[in-house]
């Protein structure tokens, strides 16, 4: 972890702990979303929802773009281009593998059930839904309970709510 990341982490931890329900079980106030989500989850959101730098690219993930437009506090304070580029490239590679798998499995019985392990705010289930519909019968996510709760809360008011309810 470099100095800037340490500074960001320490700023996130300096939130008034009296209002954070995870620190004080007697307080029913919800924690601040940006401070409770892991940095990697927030970086993934930025890398898929917007691109910083000299080139302008369309967002890779429309749900990530929607979340950033409606919740700008989710973006990391210090975006690192190298990390964002790496996440975007890794995501594209995994998406391509899954699309190829879905293409080869299209129309076969039983259909595919795809699982995402620790994906944070990634929404592969929404991003690939149209291209995998003929092969994938179910999408599942395994995630830390706090991250899953925050994701559900964020998506509750989104146009992707119905899709998320099926995951």
Foldseek 3Di string as FASTA:
>chain_A
DDPVVVVLLVVLVPPPLVQDCVNPVVHPHHDDLQSPADLLLLLLLCLQQAADDDDGDHRLDVVSVVLCVVPVSSHRPDHDNVSSVVSNVVVVVVLVVVLVVLVVQFPPPPADEEEAEANQLDPSLVSCCVSNVRGYPYYYYHHDVVSVVSNLVSCVPPPCNVVVVRD
